[in-house]
C-alpha atoms as a PDB file:
ATOM      1  CA  MET A   1     108.297  91.459  93.911  1.00  0.00           C
ATOM      2  CA  LYS A   2     105.977  87.589  94.092  1.00  0.00           C
ATOM      3  CA  THR A   3     102.494  88.499  94.671  1.00  0.00           C
ATOM      4  CA  PRO A   4     100.730  86.683  97.514  1.00  0.00           C
ATOM      5  CA  PRO A   5      98.798  83.889  97.309  1.00  0.00           C
ATOM      6  CA  ALA A   6      95.561  84.180  97.562  1.00  0.00           C
ATOM      7  CA  ARG A   7      94.072  83.851 100.611  1.00  0.00           C
ATOM      8  CA  VAL A   8      92.602  80.101 101.422  1.00  0.00           C
ATOM      9  CA  GLY A   9      90.022  79.560 104.913  1.00  0.00           C
ATOM     10  CA  ARG A  10      87.128  81.128 105.791  1.00  0.00           C
ATOM     11  CA  PRO A  11      84.967  83.812 104.414  1.00  0.00           C
ATOM     12  CA  PRO A  12      85.400  87.175 106.028  1.00  0.00           C
ATOM     13  CA  THR A  13      83.072  87.682 108.679  1.00  0.00           C
ATOM     14  CA  VAL A  14      80.035  89.983 108.117  1.00  0.00           C
ATOM     15  CA  THR A  15      77.426  90.904 110.202  1.00  0.00           C
ATOM     16  CA  THR A  16      73.811  90.954 109.227  1.00  0.00           C
ATOM     17  CA  ALA A  17      73.766  94.476 109.337  1.00  0.00           C
ATOM     18  CA  GLN A  18      76.653  95.219 106.762  1.00  0.00           C
ATOM     19  CA  ILE A  19      74.857  92.954 104.651  1.00  0.00           C
ATOM     20  CA  ALA A  20      71.594  95.263 105.190  1.00  0.00           C
ATOM     21  CA  ASP A  21      72.793  98.258 104.216  1.00  0.00           C
ATOM     22  CA  ALA A  22      74.726  96.736 101.147  1.00  0.00           C
ATOM     23  CA  ALA A  23      71.908  95.452  99.850  1.00  0.00           C
ATOM     24  CA  LEU A  24      70.092  99.521 100.677  1.00  0.00           C
ATOM     25  CA  ALA A  25      72.899 100.945  99.339  1.00  0.00           C
ATOM     26  CA  ILE A  26      72.639  99.683  96.221  1.00  0.00           C
ATOM     27  CA  GLY A  27      68.617  99.555  95.975  1.00  0.00           C
ATOM     28  CA  LEU A  28      65.979  96.963  96.440  1.00  0.00           C
ATOM     29  CA  ASP A  29      65.048  96.886  92.984  1.00  0.00           C
ATOM     30  CA  ARG A  30      68.904  96.418  91.866  1.00  0.00           C
ATOM     31  CA  ALA A  31      70.177  94.280  95.033  1.00  0.00           C
ATOM     32  CA  THR A  32      71.535  90.584  94.049  1.00  0.00           C
ATOM     33  CA  VAL A  33      73.888  87.755  95.648  1.00  0.00           C
ATOM     34  CA  ARG A  34      76.169  89.033  94.013  1.00  0.00           C
ATOM     35  CA  ASN A  35      76.241  92.196  93.665  1.00  0.00           C
ATOM     36  CA  VAL A  36      75.935  92.755  97.229  1.00  0.00           C
ATOM     37  CA  ALA A  37      79.036  90.056  97.592  1.00  0.00           C
ATOM     38  CA  ASP A  38      81.010  92.525  95.132  1.00  0.00           C
ATOM     39  CA  ARG A  39      80.343  95.467  97.342  1.00  0.00           C
ATOM     40  CA  LEU A  40      81.422  93.796 100.388  1.00  0.00           C
ATOM     41  CA  GLY A  41      84.400  92.662  98.903  1.00  0.00           C
ATOM     42  CA  MET A  42      83.860  89.117  99.741  1.00  0.00           C
ATOM     43  CA  SER A  43      82.776  85.700  97.455  1.00  0.00           C
ATOM     44  CA  VAL A  44      79.154  84.671  96.186  1.00  0.00           C
ATOM     45  CA  PRO A  45      79.928  81.347  97.946  1.00  0.00           C
ATOM     46  CA  GLY A  46      80.788  83.401 101.141  1.00  0.00           C
ATOM     47  CA  LEU A  47      77.625  85.178 101.351  1.00  0.00           C
ATOM     48  CA  TYR A  48      75.935  81.620 101.000  1.00  0.00           C
ATOM     49  CA  HIS A  49      77.233  81.426 104.561  1.00  0.00           C
ATOM     50  CA  HIS A  50      73.988  84.036 105.503  1.00  0.00           C
ATOM     51  CA  VAL A  51      71.965  84.780 102.716  1.00  0.00           C
ATOM     52  CA  ARG A  52      71.272  81.497 100.190  1.00  0.00           C
ATOM     53  CA  THR A  53      68.502  83.372  97.785  1.00  0.00           C
ATOM     54  CA  ARG A  54      67.312  86.917  96.852  1.00  0.00           C
ATOM     55  CA  GLU A  55      64.228  86.780  98.875  1.00  0.00           C
ATOM     56  CA  ASP A  56      66.284  85.672 101.993  1.00  0.00           C
ATOM     57  CA  LEU A  57      68.555  88.960 100.718  1.00  0.00           C
ATOM     58  CA  LEU A  58      65.517  91.149 100.660  1.00  0.00           C
ATOM     59  CA  ALA A  59      64.259  89.701 103.928  1.00  0.00           C
ATOM     60  CA  VAL A  60      67.180  90.773 105.797  1.00  0.00           C
ATOM     61  CA  ALA A  61      67.358  94.302 104.569  1.00  0.00           C
ATOM     62  CA  ALA A  62      62.985  94.676 104.939  1.00  0.00           C
ATOM     63  CA  ALA A  63      64.087  93.679 108.431  1.00  0.00           C
ATOM     64  CA  HIS A  64      67.459  95.656 109.300  1.00  0.00           C
ATOM     65  CA  SER A  65      65.691  99.021 107.609  1.00  0.00           C
ATOM     66  CA  LEU A  66      62.479  98.933 109.440  1.00  0.00           C
ATOM     67  CA  GLY A  67      63.986  97.953 112.692  1.00  0.00           C
ATOM     68  CA  ALA A  68      66.093 100.922 112.515  1.00  0.00           C
ATOM     69  CA  LEU A  69      64.001 103.452 112.614  1.00  0.00           C
ATOM     70  CA  GLU A  70      64.315 105.894 115.560  1.00  0.00           C
ATOM     71  CA  LEU A  71      61.199 106.752 116.739  1.00  0.00           C
ATOM     72  CA  PRO A  72      59.980 110.019 117.209  1.00  0.00           C
ATOM     73  CA  GLU A  73      61.226 112.197 120.323  1.00  0.00           C
ATOM     74  CA  ASP A  74      58.528 112.823 123.580  1.00  0.00           C
ATOM     75  CA  ARG A  75      58.563 116.660 123.754  1.00  0.00           C
ATOM     76  CA  GLY A  76      55.067 116.378 125.794  1.00  0.00           C
ATOM     77  CA  GLN A  77      52.939 116.933 122.331  1.00  0.00           C
ATOM     78  CA  GLU A  78      49.321 115.020 122.051  1.00  0.00           C
ATOM     79  CA  TRP A  79      49.724 111.493 121.967  1.00  0.00           C
ATOM     80  CA  SER A  80      48.242 111.665 118.454  1.00  0.00           C
ATOM     81  CA  GLU A  81      50.518 114.050 117.449  1.00  0.00           C
ATOM     82  CA  TRP A  82      53.299 111.539 118.692  1.00  0.00           C
ATOM     83  CA  LEU A  83      51.730 108.321 116.956  1.00  0.00           C
ATOM     84  CA  LEU A  84      51.472 110.455 113.676  1.00  0.00           C
ATOM     85  CA  ASP A  85      55.237 111.172 113.789  1.00  0.00           C
ATOM     86  CA  TYR A  86      56.110 107.923 114.212  1.00  0.00           C
ATOM     87  CA  ALA A  87      53.836 106.564 111.599  1.00  0.00           C
ATOM     88  CA  GLY A  88      55.217 109.291 108.865  1.00  0.00           C
ATOM     89  CA  PHE A  89      59.076 107.535 109.688  1.00  0.00           C
ATOM     90  CA  VAL A  90      57.075 104.495 108.581  1.00  0.00           C
ATOM     91  CA  TYR A  91      55.352 104.994 105.577  1.00  0.00           C
ATOM     92  CA  ASP A  92      58.082 107.351 103.743  1.00  0.00           C
ATOM     93  CA  ALA A  93      60.125 104.304 104.561  1.00  0.00           C
ATOM     94  CA  LEU A  94      58.230 101.901 103.153  1.00  0.00           C
ATOM     95  CA  VAL A  95      57.571 104.507 100.110  1.00  0.00           C
ATOM     96  CA  ALA A  96      61.735 105.071  99.478  1.00  0.00           C
ATOM     97  CA  GLN A  97      62.140 101.414  99.586  1.00  0.00           C
ATOM     98  CA  PRO A  98      59.108 100.336  98.082  1.00  0.00           C
ATOM     99  CA  GLU A  99      60.576  95.944  97.679  1.00  0.00           C
ATOM    100  CA  ILE A 100      60.274  96.334 101.618  1.00  0.00           C
ATOM    101  CA  ILE A 101      56.562  96.353 101.921  1.00  0.00           C
ATOM    102  CA  GLY A 102      56.161  93.440 100.167  1.00  0.00           C
ATOM    103  CA  GLN A 103      58.949  91.537 103.022  1.00  0.00           C
ATOM    104  CA  VAL A 104      56.260  93.328 105.379  1.00  0.00           C
ATOM    105  CA  LEU A 105      53.292  91.734 103.936  1.00  0.00           C
ATOM    106  CA  ALA A 106      54.940  88.270 103.304  1.00  0.00           C
ATOM    107  CA  GLY A 107      55.700  88.865 107.704  1.00  0.00           C
ATOM    108  CA  THR A 108      59.326  89.667 107.927  1.00  0.00           C
ATOM    109  CA  VAL A 109      59.939  91.196 110.504  1.00  0.00           C
ATOM    110  CA  ASN A 110      62.523  91.537 113.157  1.00  0.00           C
ATOM    111  CA  THR A 111      61.098  90.410 116.007  1.00  0.00           C
ATOM    112  CA  LEU A 112      63.670  91.701 118.660  1.00  0.00           C
ATOM    113  CA  ARG A 113      63.347  94.844 117.190  1.00  0.00           C
ATOM    114  CA  ALA A 114      59.714  94.843 116.532  1.00  0.00           C
ATOM    115  CA  ALA A 115      59.629  94.537 120.402  1.00  0.00           C
ATOM    116  CA  GLN A 116      61.970  96.977 121.377  1.00  0.00           C
ATOM    117  CA  HIS A 117      59.399  99.372 119.235  1.00  0.00           C
ATOM    118  CA  LEU A 118      56.624  98.654 120.819  1.00  0.00           C
ATOM    119  CA  GLU A 119      58.577  98.928 124.533  1.00  0.00           C
ATOM    120  CA  ARG A 120      59.247 102.740 123.325  1.00  0.00           C
ATOM    121  CA  LEU A 121      55.450 102.920 122.356  1.00  0.00           C
ATOM    122  CA  PHE A 122      54.468 101.307 125.275  1.00  0.00           C
ATOM    123  CA  GLU A 123      56.020 103.839 127.352  1.00  0.00           C
ATOM    124  CA  VAL A 124      55.381 107.129 125.174  1.00  0.00           C
ATOM    125  CA  LEU A 125      51.196 105.826 124.991  1.00  0.00           C
ATOM    126  CA  GLY A 126      51.322 104.529 128.985  1.00  0.00           C
ATOM    127  CA  GLY A 127      51.980 108.001 129.758  1.00  0.00           C
ATOM    128  CA  HIS A 128      49.066 109.463 128.131  1.00  0.00           C
ATOM    129  CA  GLY A 129      46.372 106.604 129.941  1.00  0.00           C
ATOM    130  CA  PHE A 130      46.491 103.001 127.172  1.00  0.00           C
ATOM    131  CA  THR A 131      46.392 100.241 128.673  1.00  0.00           C
ATOM    132  CA  VAL A 132      49.428  97.885 127.176  1.00  0.00           C
ATOM    133  CA  ALA A 133      46.856  96.192 125.595  1.00  0.00           C
ATOM    134  CA  GLU A 134      45.283  99.189 124.041  1.00  0.00           C
ATOM    135  CA  ALA A 135      48.822 100.296 123.269  1.00  0.00           C
ATOM    136  CA  TYR A 136      49.444  97.398 120.995  1.00  0.00           C
ATOM    137  CA  ASP A 137      45.842  97.603 119.180  1.00  0.00           C
ATOM    138  CA  THR A 138      46.859 101.311 118.390  1.00  0.00           C
ATOM    139  CA  CYS A 139      50.028  99.901 116.758  1.00  0.00           C
ATOM    140  CA  GLN A 140      48.305  97.347 114.820  1.00  0.00           C
ATOM    141  CA  GLN A 141      45.564  99.569 113.507  1.00  0.00           C
ATOM    142  CA  LEU A 142      48.058 102.702 112.533  1.00  0.00           C
ATOM    143  CA  LEU A 143      50.661  99.945 110.755  1.00  0.00           C
ATOM    144  CA  ALA A 144      47.630  98.315 108.989  1.00  0.00           C
ATOM    145  CA  ALA A 145      46.845 101.969 107.660  1.00  0.00           C
ATOM    146  CA  VAL A 146      50.284 103.192 107.118  1.00  0.00           C
ATOM    147  CA  VAL A 147      50.759  99.933 105.066  1.00  0.00           C
ATOM    148  CA  GLY A 148      48.293 100.031 103.020  1.00  0.00           C
ATOM    149  CA  ALA A 149      48.594 104.504 102.467  1.00  0.00           C
ATOM    150  CA  ALA A 150      52.290 103.615 101.420  1.00  0.00           C
ATOM    151  CA  THR A 151      51.162 100.762  98.821  1.00  0.00           C
ATOM    152  CA  SER A 152      48.874 102.925  97.198  1.00  0.00           C
ATOM    153  CA  CYS A 153      51.336 106.268  96.481  1.00  0.00           C
ATOM    154  CA  VAL A 154      53.786 103.459  95.184  1.00  0.00           C
ATOM    155  CA  GLY A 155      50.368 102.004  92.908  1.00  0.00           C
ATOM    156  CA  ARG A 156      49.599 105.958  91.707  1.00  0.00           C
ATOM    157  CA  ARG A 157      53.632 106.837  90.606  1.00  0.00           C
ATOM    158  CA  ALA A 158      53.944 103.326  89.167  1.00  0.00           C
ATOM    159  CA  ALA A 159      51.500 103.655  87.112  1.00  0.00           C
ATOM    160  CA  THR A 160      52.632 107.416  86.196  1.00  0.00           C
ATOM    161  CA  ASP A 161      55.617 106.382  85.574  1.00  0.00           C
ATOM    162  CA  ALA A 162      54.469 104.196  83.223  1.00  0.00           C
ATOM    163  CA  GLY A 163      52.523 106.621  81.439  1.00  0.00           C
ATOM    164  CA  HIS A 164      49.654 105.295  83.385  1.00  0.00           C
ATOM    165  CA  PRO A 165      48.089 107.634  85.687  1.00  0.00           C
ATOM    166  CA  PRO A 166      45.185 106.891  87.374  1.00  0.00           C
ATOM    167  CA  ILE A 167      42.558 109.288  86.791  1.00  0.00           C
ATOM    168  CA  VAL A 168      43.876 109.668  83.232  1.00  0.00           C
ATOM    169  CA  ASP A 169      42.886 106.305  82.612  1.00  0.00           C
ATOM    170  CA  LEU A 170      39.688 106.525  84.317  1.00  0.00           C
ATOM    171  CA  ARG A 171      38.845 109.311  82.022  1.00  0.00           C
ATOM    172  CA  ARG A 172      39.589 106.962  79.062  1.00  0.00           C
ATOM    173  CA  ALA A 173      37.456 104.437  80.627  1.00  0.00           C
ATOM    174  CA  ALA A 174      34.156 106.407  81.005  1.00  0.00           C
ATOM    175  CA  LYS A 175      34.436 107.733  77.037  1.00  0.00           C
ATOM    176  CA  ALA A 176      34.499 104.232  76.660  1.00  0.00           C
ATOM    177  CA  LEU A 177      31.867 103.773  78.043  1.00  0.00           C
ATOM    178  CA  GLY A 178      29.373 105.987  77.695  1.00  0.00           C
ATOM    179  CA  THR A 179      27.744 108.944  79.582  1.00  0.00           C
ATOM    180  CA  ASP A 180      24.511 107.089  80.288  1.00  0.00           C
ATOM    181  CA  SER A 181      26.247 104.151  81.438  1.00  0.00           C
ATOM    182  CA  VAL A 182      28.568 105.759  84.127  1.00  0.00           C
ATOM    183  CA  PRO A 183      27.019 109.145  84.539  1.00  0.00           C
ATOM    184  CA  LEU A 184      28.596 109.661  88.173  1.00  0.00           C
ATOM    185  CA  VAL A 185      32.364 108.589  86.834  1.00  0.00           C
ATOM    186  CA  HIS A 186      31.987 111.525  83.890  1.00  0.00           C
ATOM    187  CA  GLN A 187      30.981 114.082  86.500  1.00  0.00           C
ATOM    188  CA  LEU A 188      34.258 112.892  88.456  1.00  0.00           C
ATOM    189  CA  VAL A 189      36.727 112.826  85.126  1.00  0.00           C
ATOM    190  CA  ARG A 190      34.694 116.084  83.086  1.00  0.00           C
ATOM    191  CA  PRO A 191      37.076 118.650  85.172  1.00  0.00           C
ATOM    192  CA  ARG A 192      40.579 119.109  82.720  1.00  0.00           C
ATOM    193  CA  ARG A 193      42.082 118.861  86.394  1.00  0.00           C
ATOM    194  CA  VAL A 194      40.834 116.164  89.403  1.00  0.00           C
ATOM    195  CA  PRO A 195      42.139 117.335  92.374  1.00  0.00           C
ATOM    196  CA  ASP A 196      44.066 114.102  94.179  1.00  0.00           C
ATOM    197  CA  SER A 197      44.200 112.865  97.719  1.00  0.00           C
ATOM    198  CA  ASP A 198      46.747 112.305  99.697  1.00  0.00           C
ATOM    199  CA  PRO A 199      47.434 108.495 100.473  1.00  0.00           C
ATOM    200  CA  PHE A 200      48.847 109.680 104.053  1.00  0.00           C
ATOM    201  CA  ASP A 201      45.394 110.920 104.707  1.00  0.00           C
ATOM    202  CA  SER A 202      43.737 107.746 105.400  1.00  0.00           C
ATOM    203  CA  VAL A 203      46.161 107.498 108.184  1.00  0.00           C
ATOM    204  CA  ARG A 204      44.793 110.594 109.544  1.00  0.00           C
ATOM    205  CA  LEU A 205      41.634 109.137 109.904  1.00  0.00           C
ATOM    206  CA  VAL A 206      42.769 106.149 111.721  1.00  0.00           C
ATOM    207  CA  VAL A 207      44.709 108.390 114.703  1.00  0.00           C
ATOM    208  CA  VAL A 208      41.469 110.683 114.091  1.00  0.00           C
ATOM    209  CA  GLY A 209      38.768 107.687 114.688  1.00  0.00           C
ATOM    210  CA  ILE A 210      41.249 106.354 117.481  1.00  0.00           C
ATOM    211  CA  ALA A 211      41.577 109.516 119.417  1.00  0.00           C
ATOM    212  CA  GLN A 212      37.666 109.867 118.755  1.00  0.00           C
ATOM    213  CA  ARG A 213      36.583 106.468 119.871  1.00  0.00           C
ATOM    214  CA  ARG A 214      38.917 106.925 123.459  1.00  0.00           C
ATOM    215  CA  ALA A 215      37.577 110.044 124.334  1.00  0.00           C
ATOM    216  CA  GLY A 216      34.146 108.454 123.820  1.00  0.00           C
ATOM    217  CA  GLN A 217      35.248 105.990 126.376  1.00  0.00           C
ATOM    218  CA  ALA A 218      36.396 108.140 129.507  1.00  0.00           C
ATOM    219  CA  GLN A 219      32.500 110.292 129.459  1.00  0.00           C
END
């Protein structure tokens, strides 16, 4: 039986969501235009109809990944509890795919998804007395804290994996500088084991601060 001739014509149809899913499945640290094309069973020139560079590819994946997050269920809990659940979803996504943090910082946002998320957030917070402007300001403050917390977590993990745990390096620096130079740092690192803080605590503090501010305004 003769092998059928190679198919000529338009490249296979592929959606942005399929491209993003392929990149996320490979892992954003390893995703390239070539291996995403291979995973989708299409040619590199065919994929160039949708993304031209690895940066384009990461941008598409980042927007899709964050946009695909489901908002937590509103079970009638306190708004602050719901907000922390939402923050936890975003935080986990950023820590799991650190490359997305760079795309967020670069301003790569799927505005359609963002508008849908905001609409739901406005509905939930509006049910607790927030105006739309207050809910939007709260979201901006929360996301700033979440991105910072995720960046801190990823940075600590990378430093530890590279053999430079932050507290160990700080202990070495304190020893090199001497007790007289940095006595309070010596006081911190003297114990063999120094408790490590949870980066997500900064997000909790932001929510507590917003709650306290609103309570004060209500009086």
